Amino acid sequence: MKRLLIGLAAVGFVAGCGAVDNSPDSAPEAVAAAAFRAPGPKTLTVFTMVNNRSGSGGHTALMVKGSQTVIFDPAGSFRDPRVVERGDVLYGMSPNWVQSYRSAHARSTYHVVSQEIPVTDEQAERALQLVTSNGAVPAAYCANATTAILRQINGFNDIEQTFYPVKFMEQISSLPGVKTTKYYENDDGDVIDAVRAGQLALSQ
């Protein structure tokens, strides 16, 4: 039984949706100071980390590009001392940080599927309000929490709540106007290794 529990814990960490985050939340003042507003139309982007061998999903996250750009990373393991995080929301998500987030999860065993959905200003702001007020999510509830949030936004009410990232991804693929991209890296590191690599890239 002990071996099984250790194995399950390892799977959760590698997948990115089972990390135990003991770091304190950033202060509200830091959250306000970190706000980053990207130019262009408003979008929601669903990130799904997919196992290259089995095709199963390891993690779900949601980027909201509204009056500011944030990533709702429920039960996620992406942490960096320069990234402001509060209640499983990563603030200040500039294009460089978004790329670092993808790179942190893509490796020889996982790739990252990004599904960008065009939305109205009202939909984007509703999503922003929901993710920033949701609070931290328990391990393995990443897809469940994200689908529960989307269901509360007009135009996404038919999304079915699920615990399975790939089933969620398949639902998103049927929506009109979705732009899907896949990101691969062929390294053997884990999320923490990739974050360190991202730090070096951003400092150059």
N, C-alpha and C. Protein backbone atom coordinates (compact mmCIF):
# COMPACT_ATOMS: atom_id res chain seq x y z
N MET A 1 0.82 -1.21 0.00
CA MET A 1 0.00 0.00 0.00
C MET A 1 0.86 1.27 0.00
N LYS A 2 1.97 1.22 0.81
CA LYS A 2 2.85 2.39 0.85
C LYS A 2 3.44 2.68 -0.51
N ARG A 3 3.87 1.62 -1.24
CA ARG A 3 4.42 1.82 -2.58
C ARG A 3 3.40 2.43 -3.51
N LEU A 4 2.14 1.96 -3.40
CA LEU A 4 1.08 2.48 -4.26
C LEU A 4 0.86 3.96 -4.01
N LEU A 5 0.82 4.35 -2.74
CA LEU A 5 0.61 5.76 -2.42
C LEU A 5 1.76 6.63 -2.91
N ILE A 6 2.99 6.13 -2.75
CA ILE A 6 4.14 6.87 -3.26
C ILE A 6 4.07 7.01 -4.77
N GLY A 7 3.68 5.93 -5.45
CA GLY A 7 3.56 5.96 -6.90
C GLY A 7 2.51 6.95 -7.36
N LEU A 8 1.35 6.96 -6.67
CA LEU A 8 0.30 7.90 -7.03
C LEU A 8 0.74 9.33 -6.81
N ALA A 9 1.45 9.56 -5.72
CA ALA A 9 1.95 10.91 -5.46
C ALA A 9 2.91 11.36 -6.54
N ALA A 10 3.77 10.45 -6.99
CA ALA A 10 4.72 10.79 -8.06
C ALA A 10 4.01 11.09 -9.34
N VAL A 11 2.98 10.30 -9.67
CA VAL A 11 2.20 10.56 -10.88
C VAL A 11 1.55 11.92 -10.81
N GLY A 12 0.99 12.26 -9.65
CA GLY A 12 0.36 13.56 -9.50
C GLY A 12 1.32 14.69 -9.72
N PHE A 13 2.55 14.57 -9.19
CA PHE A 13 3.52 15.64 -9.35
C PHE A 13 3.94 15.78 -10.80
N VAL A 14 4.24 14.67 -11.45
CA VAL A 14 4.69 14.72 -12.83
C VAL A 14 3.61 15.29 -13.73
N ALA A 15 2.36 14.93 -13.46
CA ALA A 15 1.26 15.41 -14.29
C ALA A 15 1.01 16.89 -14.09
N GLY A 16 1.38 17.42 -12.93
CA GLY A 16 1.21 18.85 -12.70
C GLY A 16 -0.06 19.21 -11.99
N CYS A 17 -0.92 18.25 -11.64
CA CYS A 17 -2.20 18.54 -11.03
C CYS A 17 -2.30 17.94 -9.64
N GLY A 18 -1.17 17.54 -9.07
CA GLY A 18 -1.23 16.94 -7.76
C GLY A 18 -0.27 17.55 -6.79
N ALA A 19 0.24 18.73 -7.13
CA ALA A 19 1.24 19.34 -6.26
C ALA A 19 0.60 19.93 -5.02
N VAL A 20 1.29 19.80 -3.89
CA VAL A 20 0.85 20.45 -2.66
C VAL A 20 1.60 21.77 -2.54
N ASP A 21 0.87 22.87 -2.61
CA ASP A 21 1.50 24.18 -2.59
C ASP A 21 1.46 24.74 -1.18
N ASN A 22 2.61 24.78 -0.53
CA ASN A 22 2.70 25.31 0.82
C ASN A 22 3.19 26.74 0.86
N SER A 23 3.40 27.33 -0.30
CA SER A 23 3.89 28.71 -0.34
C SER A 23 2.76 29.67 -0.01
N PRO A 24 3.07 30.76 0.68
CA PRO A 24 2.02 31.72 1.03
C PRO A 24 1.53 32.50 -0.19
N ASP A 25 0.29 32.94 -0.14
CA ASP A 25 -0.24 33.78 -1.20
C ASP A 25 0.47 35.13 -1.22
N SER A 26 0.62 35.68 -2.42
CA SER A 26 1.15 37.03 -2.54
C SER A 26 0.16 38.03 -1.94
N ALA A 27 0.68 39.13 -1.47
CA ALA A 27 -0.17 40.16 -0.87
C ALA A 27 -1.01 40.84 -1.94
N PRO A 28 -2.19 41.36 -1.56
CA PRO A 28 -3.04 42.08 -2.53
C PRO A 28 -2.30 43.22 -3.23
N GLU A 29 -1.41 43.89 -2.51
CA GLU A 29 -0.66 44.98 -3.13
C GLU A 29 0.24 44.46 -4.26
N ALA A 30 0.83 43.29 -4.06
CA ALA A 30 1.68 42.70 -5.10
C ALA A 30 0.84 42.27 -6.29
N VAL A 31 -0.35 41.75 -6.01
CA VAL A 31 -1.26 41.35 -7.09
C VAL A 31 -1.61 42.55 -7.95
N ALA A 32 -1.95 43.66 -7.32
CA ALA A 32 -2.32 44.87 -8.06
C ALA A 32 -1.15 45.40 -8.88
N ALA A 33 0.05 45.35 -8.31
CA ALA A 33 1.22 45.88 -9.00
C ALA A 33 1.64 45.01 -10.18
N ALA A 34 1.31 43.72 -10.13
CA ALA A 34 1.76 42.77 -11.16
C ALA A 34 0.86 42.75 -12.39
N ALA A 35 -0.27 43.43 -12.36
CA ALA A 35 -1.24 43.35 -13.45
C ALA A 35 -0.59 43.63 -14.80
N PHE A 36 -0.85 42.75 -15.76
CA PHE A 36 -0.34 42.92 -17.13
C PHE A 36 -1.51 42.85 -18.09
N ARG A 37 -1.65 43.87 -18.91
CA ARG A 37 -2.73 43.91 -19.91
C ARG A 37 -2.14 43.72 -21.29
N ALA A 38 -2.54 42.67 -21.96
CA ALA A 38 -2.04 42.39 -23.30
C ALA A 38 -2.90 43.11 -24.34
N PRO A 39 -2.29 43.59 -25.40
CA PRO A 39 -3.08 44.22 -26.47
C PRO A 39 -3.86 43.17 -27.25
N GLY A 40 -4.81 43.65 -28.04
CA GLY A 40 -5.55 42.74 -28.91
C GLY A 40 -6.87 42.29 -28.32
N PRO A 41 -7.56 41.43 -29.07
CA PRO A 41 -8.89 40.98 -28.64
C PRO A 41 -8.84 40.13 -27.37
N LYS A 42 -9.99 40.06 -26.70
CA LYS A 42 -10.09 39.27 -25.48
C LYS A 42 -10.23 37.78 -25.82
N THR A 43 -9.57 36.94 -25.04
CA THR A 43 -9.60 35.50 -25.29
C THR A 43 -9.56 34.73 -23.98
N LEU A 44 -10.02 33.49 -24.05
CA LEU A 44 -9.78 32.49 -23.01
C LEU A 44 -8.96 31.39 -23.66
N THR A 45 -7.96 30.87 -22.96
CA THR A 45 -7.14 29.78 -23.51
C THR A 45 -7.11 28.65 -22.50
N VAL A 46 -7.54 27.48 -22.93
CA VAL A 46 -7.47 26.28 -22.10
C VAL A 46 -6.16 25.56 -22.41
N PHE A 47 -5.37 25.32 -21.39
CA PHE A 47 -4.14 24.54 -21.52
C PHE A 47 -4.41 23.12 -21.02
N THR A 48 -4.03 22.12 -21.81
CA THR A 48 -4.15 20.73 -21.40
C THR A 48 -2.80 20.06 -21.57
N MET A 49 -2.29 19.46 -20.50
CA MET A 49 -1.04 18.74 -20.56
C MET A 49 -1.37 17.27 -20.85
N VAL A 50 -0.90 16.79 -22.00
CA VAL A 50 -1.30 15.47 -22.50
C VAL A 50 -0.10 14.53 -22.51
N ASN A 51 -0.29 13.35 -21.97
CA ASN A 51 0.76 12.34 -21.93
C ASN A 51 1.08 11.86 -23.34
N ASN A 52 2.35 11.92 -23.74
CA ASN A 52 2.74 11.53 -25.10
C ASN A 52 2.60 10.04 -25.35
N ARG A 53 2.60 9.24 -24.32
CA ARG A 53 2.51 7.79 -24.51
C ARG A 53 1.07 7.30 -24.46
N SER A 54 0.33 7.74 -23.47
CA SER A 54 -1.03 7.21 -23.27
C SER A 54 -2.13 8.08 -23.85
N GLY A 55 -1.83 9.36 -24.08
CA GLY A 55 -2.86 10.28 -24.55
C GLY A 55 -3.76 10.79 -23.45
N SER A 56 -3.49 10.42 -22.21
CA SER A 56 -4.31 10.88 -21.10
C SER A 56 -3.89 12.28 -20.68
N GLY A 57 -4.79 12.95 -20.00
CA GLY A 57 -4.51 14.31 -19.57
C GLY A 57 -3.91 14.35 -18.18
N GLY A 58 -2.91 15.23 -17.99
CA GLY A 58 -2.26 15.33 -16.69
C GLY A 58 -2.61 16.59 -15.93
N HIS A 59 -3.06 17.62 -16.65
CA HIS A 59 -3.33 18.89 -15.97
C HIS A 59 -4.16 19.78 -16.88
N THR A 60 -4.96 20.64 -16.26
CA THR A 60 -5.75 21.65 -16.97
C THR A 60 -5.48 23.01 -16.34
N ALA A 61 -5.37 24.03 -17.17
CA ALA A 61 -5.26 25.40 -16.68
C ALA A 61 -6.02 26.31 -17.65
N LEU A 62 -6.31 27.52 -17.20
CA LEU A 62 -7.09 28.46 -18.01
C LEU A 62 -6.44 29.83 -17.97
N MET A 63 -6.08 30.35 -19.15
CA MET A 63 -5.58 31.71 -19.24
C MET A 63 -6.71 32.65 -19.64
N VAL A 64 -6.83 33.73 -18.90
CA VAL A 64 -7.84 34.75 -19.18
C VAL A 64 -7.13 36.01 -19.65
N LYS A 65 -7.46 36.44 -20.83
CA LYS A 65 -6.91 37.68 -21.38
C LYS A 65 -8.04 38.69 -21.45
N GLY A 66 -8.14 39.49 -20.40
CA GLY A 66 -9.18 40.49 -20.30
C GLY A 66 -8.57 41.84 -19.98
N SER A 67 -9.07 42.49 -18.92
CA SER A 67 -8.47 43.75 -18.51
C SER A 67 -7.06 43.53 -17.97
N GLN A 68 -6.74 42.29 -17.62
CA GLN A 68 -5.38 41.86 -17.37
C GLN A 68 -5.28 40.39 -17.78
N THR A 69 -4.05 39.92 -17.91
CA THR A 69 -3.84 38.53 -18.32
C THR A 69 -3.34 37.72 -17.14
N VAL A 70 -4.10 36.67 -16.82
CA VAL A 70 -3.73 35.78 -15.72
C VAL A 70 -3.87 34.34 -16.18
N ILE A 71 -3.23 33.44 -15.45
CA ILE A 71 -3.42 32.00 -15.67
C ILE A 71 -3.98 31.40 -14.39
N PHE A 72 -5.15 30.82 -14.49
CA PHE A 72 -5.72 30.04 -13.39
C PHE A 72 -5.09 28.66 -13.48
N ASP A 73 -4.24 28.34 -12.49
CA ASP A 73 -3.44 27.12 -12.51
C ASP A 73 -3.84 26.24 -11.32
N PRO A 74 -5.05 25.68 -11.35
CA PRO A 74 -5.58 24.97 -10.18
C PRO A 74 -4.75 23.75 -9.80
N ALA A 75 -4.32 23.71 -8.55
CA ALA A 75 -3.49 22.62 -8.04
C ALA A 75 -2.22 22.46 -8.87
N GLY A 76 -1.76 23.55 -9.45
CA GLY A 76 -0.59 23.50 -10.33
C GLY A 76 0.72 23.57 -9.56
N SER A 77 1.80 23.31 -10.28
CA SER A 77 3.12 23.28 -9.66
C SER A 77 4.06 24.32 -10.25
N PHE A 78 3.54 25.23 -11.05
CA PHE A 78 4.39 26.28 -11.64
C PHE A 78 4.57 27.39 -10.61
N ARG A 79 5.78 27.51 -10.09
CA ARG A 79 6.09 28.55 -9.12
C ARG A 79 7.44 29.17 -9.45
N ASP A 80 7.53 30.47 -9.29
CA ASP A 80 8.77 31.21 -9.51
C ASP A 80 8.72 32.41 -8.56
N PRO A 81 9.82 32.74 -7.93
CA PRO A 81 9.79 33.86 -6.96
C PRO A 81 9.40 35.19 -7.59
N ARG A 82 9.53 35.32 -8.91
CA ARG A 82 9.16 36.58 -9.56
C ARG A 82 7.73 36.60 -10.05
N VAL A 83 7.02 35.48 -9.93
CA VAL A 83 5.62 35.42 -10.36
C VAL A 83 4.71 35.60 -9.16
N VAL A 84 3.82 36.56 -9.25
CA VAL A 84 2.85 36.79 -8.19
C VAL A 84 1.74 35.75 -8.31
N GLU A 85 1.48 35.05 -7.21
CA GLU A 85 0.46 33.98 -7.22
C GLU A 85 -0.43 34.13 -6.00
N ARG A 86 -1.73 34.07 -6.24
CA ARG A 86 -2.68 34.15 -5.13
C ARG A 86 -3.90 33.29 -5.46
N GLY A 87 -4.20 32.33 -4.62
CA GLY A 87 -5.37 31.49 -4.84
C GLY A 87 -5.32 30.71 -6.13
N ASP A 88 -4.14 30.18 -6.48
CA ASP A 88 -3.94 29.41 -7.71
C ASP A 88 -4.05 30.24 -8.98
N VAL A 89 -3.95 31.54 -8.86
CA VAL A 89 -3.95 32.43 -10.03
C VAL A 89 -2.56 33.06 -10.17
N LEU A 90 -1.99 32.94 -11.37
CA LEU A 90 -0.68 33.54 -11.67
C LEU A 90 -0.92 34.88 -12.36
N TYR A 91 -0.35 35.93 -11.80
CA TYR A 91 -0.56 37.28 -12.33
C TYR A 91 0.66 37.75 -13.11
N GLY A 92 0.44 38.81 -13.92
CA GLY A 92 1.54 39.38 -14.69
C GLY A 92 1.98 38.49 -15.84
N MET A 93 1.03 37.80 -16.45
CA MET A 93 1.36 36.81 -17.48
C MET A 93 1.60 37.46 -18.84
N SER A 94 2.79 38.00 -18.98
CA SER A 94 3.26 38.54 -20.26
C SER A 94 3.52 37.39 -21.22
N PRO A 95 3.71 37.67 -22.51
CA PRO A 95 4.03 36.58 -23.45
C PRO A 95 5.23 35.73 -23.03
N ASN A 96 6.27 36.35 -22.45
CA ASN A 96 7.43 35.58 -22.00
C ASN A 96 7.05 34.61 -20.90
N TRP A 97 6.24 35.06 -19.97
CA TRP A 97 5.85 34.17 -18.87
C TRP A 97 4.90 33.07 -19.35
N VAL A 98 4.05 33.39 -20.31
CA VAL A 98 3.16 32.35 -20.86
C VAL A 98 3.99 31.27 -21.54
N GLN A 99 5.01 31.70 -22.28
CA GLN A 99 5.89 30.72 -22.91
C GLN A 99 6.65 29.89 -21.87
N SER A 100 7.09 30.55 -20.81
CA SER A 100 7.76 29.83 -19.74
C SER A 100 6.83 28.81 -19.10
N TYR A 101 5.55 29.16 -18.98
CA TYR A 101 4.57 28.24 -18.41
C TYR A 101 4.43 27.00 -19.31
N ARG A 102 4.31 27.23 -20.62
CA ARG A 102 4.23 26.08 -21.53
C ARG A 102 5.49 25.21 -21.44
N SER A 103 6.64 25.87 -21.45
CA SER A 103 7.89 25.15 -21.43
C SER A 103 8.06 24.35 -20.14
N ALA A 104 7.51 24.87 -19.06
CA ALA A 104 7.62 24.18 -17.79
C ALA A 104 6.88 22.85 -17.77
N HIS A 105 5.88 22.71 -18.62
CA HIS A 105 5.07 21.49 -18.63
C HIS A 105 5.38 20.57 -19.80
N ALA A 106 5.96 21.10 -20.87
CA ALA A 106 6.28 20.26 -22.04
C ALA A 106 7.63 19.58 -21.83
N ARG A 107 7.66 18.29 -22.05
CA ARG A 107 8.90 17.52 -21.95
C ARG A 107 8.72 16.23 -22.73
N SER A 108 9.64 15.30 -22.58
CA SER A 108 9.59 14.09 -23.39
C SER A 108 8.31 13.28 -23.15
N THR A 109 7.71 13.43 -21.98
CA THR A 109 6.53 12.62 -21.66
C THR A 109 5.21 13.37 -21.82
N TYR A 110 5.25 14.69 -21.90
CA TYR A 110 4.01 15.48 -22.00
C TYR A 110 4.16 16.58 -23.05
N HIS A 111 3.08 16.88 -23.75
CA HIS A 111 3.03 18.08 -24.57
C HIS A 111 1.85 18.94 -24.11
N VAL A 112 1.84 20.19 -24.53
CA VAL A 112 0.83 21.14 -24.08
C VAL A 112 -0.07 21.52 -25.25
N VAL A 113 -1.35 21.30 -25.08
CA VAL A 113 -2.35 21.71 -26.07
C VAL A 113 -2.95 23.04 -25.61
N SER A 114 -2.89 24.05 -26.46
CA SER A 114 -3.48 25.36 -26.16
C SER A 114 -4.69 25.57 -27.06
N GLN A 115 -5.82 25.86 -26.44
CA GLN A 115 -7.06 26.11 -27.20
C GLN A 115 -7.54 27.52 -26.90
N GLU A 116 -7.29 28.42 -27.84
CA GLU A 116 -7.63 29.83 -27.67
C GLU A 116 -9.03 30.09 -28.21
N ILE A 117 -9.86 30.71 -27.37
CA ILE A 117 -11.26 30.95 -27.70
C ILE A 117 -11.52 32.45 -27.69
N PRO A 118 -11.99 33.02 -28.80
CA PRO A 118 -12.34 34.45 -28.79
C PRO A 118 -13.58 34.69 -27.93
N VAL A 119 -13.54 35.74 -27.12
CA VAL A 119 -14.68 36.05 -26.25
C VAL A 119 -14.93 37.56 -26.27
N THR A 120 -16.07 37.95 -25.74
CA THR A 120 -16.41 39.37 -25.61
C THR A 120 -15.73 39.94 -24.37
N ASP A 121 -15.73 41.26 -24.27
CA ASP A 121 -15.19 41.90 -23.08
C ASP A 121 -15.93 41.42 -21.83
N GLU A 122 -17.25 41.28 -21.95
CA GLU A 122 -18.05 40.85 -20.80
C GLU A 122 -17.70 39.43 -20.36
N GLN A 123 -17.52 38.55 -21.32
CA GLN A 123 -17.15 37.17 -20.98
C GLN A 123 -15.77 37.11 -20.33
N ALA A 124 -14.83 37.88 -20.86
CA ALA A 124 -13.48 37.89 -20.31
C ALA A 124 -13.48 38.41 -18.87
N GLU A 125 -14.23 39.47 -18.63
CA GLU A 125 -14.24 40.04 -17.28
C GLU A 125 -14.96 39.12 -16.30
N ARG A 126 -15.99 38.42 -16.77
CA ARG A 126 -16.67 37.46 -15.91
C ARG A 126 -15.71 36.32 -15.55
N ALA A 127 -14.96 35.84 -16.53
CA ALA A 127 -13.98 34.78 -16.27
C ALA A 127 -12.91 35.25 -15.30
N LEU A 128 -12.45 36.48 -15.47
CA LEU A 128 -11.43 37.04 -14.58
C LEU A 128 -11.95 37.12 -13.15
N GLN A 129 -13.19 37.56 -13.02
CA GLN A 129 -13.78 37.67 -11.68
C GLN A 129 -13.91 36.29 -11.03
N LEU A 130 -14.31 35.30 -11.82
CA LEU A 130 -14.51 33.96 -11.28
C LEU A 130 -13.21 33.30 -10.86
N VAL A 131 -12.17 33.41 -11.68
CA VAL A 131 -10.92 32.73 -11.32
C VAL A 131 -10.23 33.41 -10.14
N THR A 132 -10.34 34.74 -10.06
CA THR A 132 -9.64 35.44 -8.98
C THR A 132 -10.37 35.32 -7.66
N SER A 133 -11.62 34.94 -7.68
CA SER A 133 -12.38 34.78 -6.43
C SER A 133 -12.55 33.32 -6.04
N ASN A 134 -12.06 32.40 -6.87
CA ASN A 134 -12.30 30.97 -6.63
C ASN A 134 -11.51 30.43 -5.44
N GLY A 135 -10.27 30.85 -5.30
CA GLY A 135 -9.42 30.32 -4.25
C GLY A 135 -8.67 29.07 -4.70
N ALA A 136 -7.79 28.60 -3.83
CA ALA A 136 -6.95 27.44 -4.15
C ALA A 136 -7.80 26.18 -4.32
N VAL A 137 -7.32 25.30 -5.19
CA VAL A 137 -8.06 24.10 -5.58
C VAL A 137 -7.33 22.87 -5.05
N PRO A 138 -8.06 21.87 -4.56
CA PRO A 138 -7.40 20.64 -4.08
C PRO A 138 -6.72 19.88 -5.21
N ALA A 139 -5.75 19.04 -4.86
CA ALA A 139 -5.06 18.21 -5.84
C ALA A 139 -6.06 17.38 -6.62
N ALA A 140 -5.79 17.25 -7.93
CA ALA A 140 -6.58 16.44 -8.87
C ALA A 140 -7.91 17.07 -9.24
N TYR A 141 -8.18 18.29 -8.80
CA TYR A 141 -9.45 18.96 -9.13
C TYR A 141 -9.27 20.02 -10.21
N CYS A 142 -8.16 19.98 -10.96
CA CYS A 142 -7.89 21.05 -11.92
C CYS A 142 -8.97 21.17 -12.99
N ALA A 143 -9.30 20.07 -13.67
CA ALA A 143 -10.33 20.12 -14.71
C ALA A 143 -11.71 20.37 -14.11
N ASN A 144 -11.97 19.78 -12.96
CA ASN A 144 -13.26 19.95 -12.31
C ASN A 144 -13.50 21.42 -11.96
N ALA A 145 -12.50 22.06 -11.39
CA ALA A 145 -12.63 23.46 -11.01
C ALA A 145 -12.77 24.37 -12.23
N THR A 146 -12.01 24.08 -13.28
CA THR A 146 -12.04 24.92 -14.47
C THR A 146 -13.36 24.79 -15.22
N THR A 147 -13.86 23.58 -15.35
CA THR A 147 -15.16 23.41 -16.01
C THR A 147 -16.27 24.05 -15.19
N ALA A 148 -16.18 23.97 -13.87
CA ALA A 148 -17.20 24.60 -13.02
C ALA A 148 -17.22 26.11 -13.22
N ILE A 149 -16.05 26.70 -13.41
CA ILE A 149 -15.97 28.14 -13.64
C ILE A 149 -16.55 28.50 -15.01
N LEU A 150 -16.14 27.78 -16.05
CA LEU A 150 -16.62 28.10 -17.40
C LEU A 150 -18.13 28.00 -17.50
N ARG A 151 -18.73 27.06 -16.81
CA ARG A 151 -20.18 26.87 -16.86
C ARG A 151 -20.94 28.10 -16.37
N GLN A 152 -20.27 28.97 -15.64
CA GLN A 152 -20.92 30.16 -15.10
C GLN A 152 -20.81 31.38 -16.03
N ILE A 153 -20.20 31.18 -17.20
CA ILE A 153 -20.02 32.28 -18.15
C ILE A 153 -20.99 32.11 -19.30
N ASN A 154 -21.73 33.16 -19.63
CA ASN A 154 -22.66 33.09 -20.76
C ASN A 154 -21.93 32.65 -22.02
N GLY A 155 -22.53 31.68 -22.71
CA GLY A 155 -21.93 31.12 -23.91
C GLY A 155 -21.18 29.84 -23.64
N PHE A 156 -20.92 29.54 -22.36
CA PHE A 156 -20.20 28.31 -21.99
C PHE A 156 -21.03 27.45 -21.02
N ASN A 157 -22.31 27.78 -20.90
CA ASN A 157 -23.15 27.10 -19.92
C ASN A 157 -23.34 25.62 -20.20
N ASP A 158 -23.12 25.20 -21.46
CA ASP A 158 -23.31 23.79 -21.82
C ASP A 158 -22.08 22.93 -21.53
N ILE A 159 -20.99 23.55 -21.09
CA ILE A 159 -19.81 22.77 -20.73
C ILE A 159 -20.16 21.83 -19.58
N GLU A 160 -19.83 20.57 -19.73
CA GLU A 160 -20.09 19.60 -18.67
C GLU A 160 -18.92 19.56 -17.70
N GLN A 161 -19.27 19.56 -16.41
CA GLN A 161 -18.23 19.50 -15.40
C GLN A 161 -17.60 18.11 -15.39
N THR A 162 -16.27 18.06 -15.36
CA THR A 162 -15.57 16.78 -15.44
C THR A 162 -14.26 16.83 -14.67
N PHE A 163 -13.78 15.68 -14.24
CA PHE A 163 -12.47 15.56 -13.61
C PHE A 163 -11.38 15.26 -14.63
N TYR A 164 -11.73 15.04 -15.89
CA TYR A 164 -10.79 14.53 -16.87
C TYR A 164 -10.35 15.62 -17.85
N PRO A 165 -9.06 16.02 -17.82
CA PRO A 165 -8.58 17.09 -18.70
C PRO A 165 -8.84 16.85 -20.18
N VAL A 166 -8.65 15.61 -20.67
CA VAL A 166 -8.83 15.36 -22.11
C VAL A 166 -10.31 15.46 -22.49
N LYS A 167 -11.21 15.00 -21.63
CA LYS A 167 -12.64 15.15 -21.93
C LYS A 167 -13.03 16.62 -21.99
N PHE A 168 -12.45 17.42 -21.12
CA PHE A 168 -12.66 18.86 -21.16
C PHE A 168 -12.11 19.43 -22.46
N MET A 169 -10.90 19.04 -22.83
CA MET A 169 -10.28 19.51 -24.07
C MET A 169 -11.16 19.18 -25.27
N GLU A 170 -11.73 17.98 -25.29
CA GLU A 170 -12.59 17.57 -26.41
C GLU A 170 -13.85 18.43 -26.48
N GLN A 171 -14.39 18.81 -25.33
CA GLN A 171 -15.55 19.70 -25.32
C GLN A 171 -15.19 21.06 -25.92
N ILE A 172 -14.04 21.59 -25.54
CA ILE A 172 -13.61 22.89 -26.05
C ILE A 172 -13.39 22.85 -27.56
N SER A 173 -12.91 21.73 -28.07
CA SER A 173 -12.61 21.63 -29.50
C SER A 173 -13.86 21.78 -30.36
N SER A 174 -15.03 21.57 -29.79
CA SER A 174 -16.27 21.67 -30.57
C SER A 174 -16.83 23.09 -30.60
N LEU A 175 -16.24 24.00 -29.86
CA LEU A 175 -16.73 25.37 -29.82
C LEU A 175 -16.30 26.13 -31.08
N PRO A 176 -17.12 27.08 -31.53
CA PRO A 176 -16.76 27.83 -32.75
C PRO A 176 -15.58 28.77 -32.52
N GLY A 177 -14.72 28.88 -33.53
CA GLY A 177 -13.63 29.84 -33.50
C GLY A 177 -12.43 29.46 -32.67
N VAL A 178 -12.36 28.21 -32.21
CA VAL A 178 -11.24 27.79 -31.36
C VAL A 178 -9.98 27.62 -32.21
N LYS A 179 -8.88 28.19 -31.73
CA LYS A 179 -7.58 28.03 -32.38
C LYS A 179 -6.73 27.11 -31.51
N THR A 180 -6.35 25.96 -32.07
CA THR A 180 -5.62 24.95 -31.31
C THR A 180 -4.17 24.86 -31.76
N THR A 181 -3.26 24.88 -30.80
CA THR A 181 -1.83 24.67 -31.08
C THR A 181 -1.29 23.64 -30.09
N LYS A 182 -0.21 22.95 -30.49
CA LYS A 182 0.42 21.96 -29.63
C LYS A 182 1.89 22.32 -29.47
N TYR A 183 2.36 22.21 -28.24
CA TYR A 183 3.75 22.59 -27.95
C TYR A 183 4.50 21.40 -27.38
N TYR A 184 5.64 21.07 -28.01
CA TYR A 184 6.45 19.92 -27.61
C TYR A 184 7.85 20.37 -27.22
N GLU A 185 8.43 19.69 -26.24
CA GLU A 185 9.85 19.79 -25.95
C GLU A 185 10.35 18.38 -25.67
N ASN A 186 11.61 18.13 -25.98
CA ASN A 186 12.14 16.77 -25.83
C ASN A 186 13.21 16.74 -24.74
N ASP A 187 12.80 17.13 -23.52
CA ASP A 187 13.74 17.05 -22.41
C ASP A 187 13.18 16.11 -21.36
N ASP A 188 14.03 15.76 -20.41
CA ASP A 188 13.64 14.80 -19.38
C ASP A 188 13.36 15.46 -18.04
N GLY A 189 13.30 16.79 -18.02
CA GLY A 189 13.12 17.48 -16.76
C GLY A 189 11.68 17.46 -16.27
N ASP A 190 11.50 17.94 -15.06
CA ASP A 190 10.15 18.09 -14.52
C ASP A 190 9.78 19.56 -14.52
N VAL A 191 8.67 19.90 -13.88
CA VAL A 191 8.21 21.28 -13.89
C VAL A 191 9.24 22.22 -13.26
N ILE A 192 9.84 21.81 -12.15
CA ILE A 192 10.79 22.67 -11.47
C ILE A 192 12.02 22.92 -12.33
N ASP A 193 12.54 21.88 -13.00
CA ASP A 193 13.68 22.05 -13.89
C ASP A 193 13.37 23.05 -15.00
N ALA A 194 12.18 22.94 -15.56
CA ALA A 194 11.81 23.80 -16.67
C ALA A 194 11.62 25.25 -16.23
N VAL A 195 11.13 25.46 -15.02
CA VAL A 195 11.00 26.81 -14.51
C VAL A 195 12.38 27.46 -14.40
N ARG A 196 13.36 26.69 -13.94
CA ARG A 196 14.72 27.22 -13.85
C ARG A 196 15.26 27.58 -15.22
N ALA A 197 14.97 26.73 -16.20
CA ALA A 197 15.39 27.02 -17.57
C ALA A 197 14.71 28.29 -18.07
N GLY A 198 13.44 28.45 -17.71
CA GLY A 198 12.71 29.64 -18.10
C GLY A 198 13.29 30.90 -17.48
N GLN A 199 13.77 30.79 -16.25
CA GLN A 199 14.40 31.93 -15.59
C GLN A 199 15.62 32.40 -16.37
N LEU A 200 16.42 31.43 -16.81
CA LEU A 200 17.61 31.78 -17.57
C LEU A 200 17.24 32.44 -18.89
N ALA A 201 16.22 31.91 -19.54
CA ALA A 201 15.80 32.47 -20.83
C ALA A 201 15.31 33.89 -20.68
N LEU A 202 14.56 34.15 -19.59
CA LEU A 202 13.99 35.49 -19.39
C LEU A 202 15.04 36.50 -18.97
N SER A 203 16.15 36.03 -18.42
CA SER A 203 17.18 36.94 -17.94
C SER A 203 18.15 37.36 -19.04
N GLN A 204 18.07 36.70 -20.20
CA GLN A 204 19.01 37.00 -21.28
C GLN A 204 18.49 38.12 -22.17
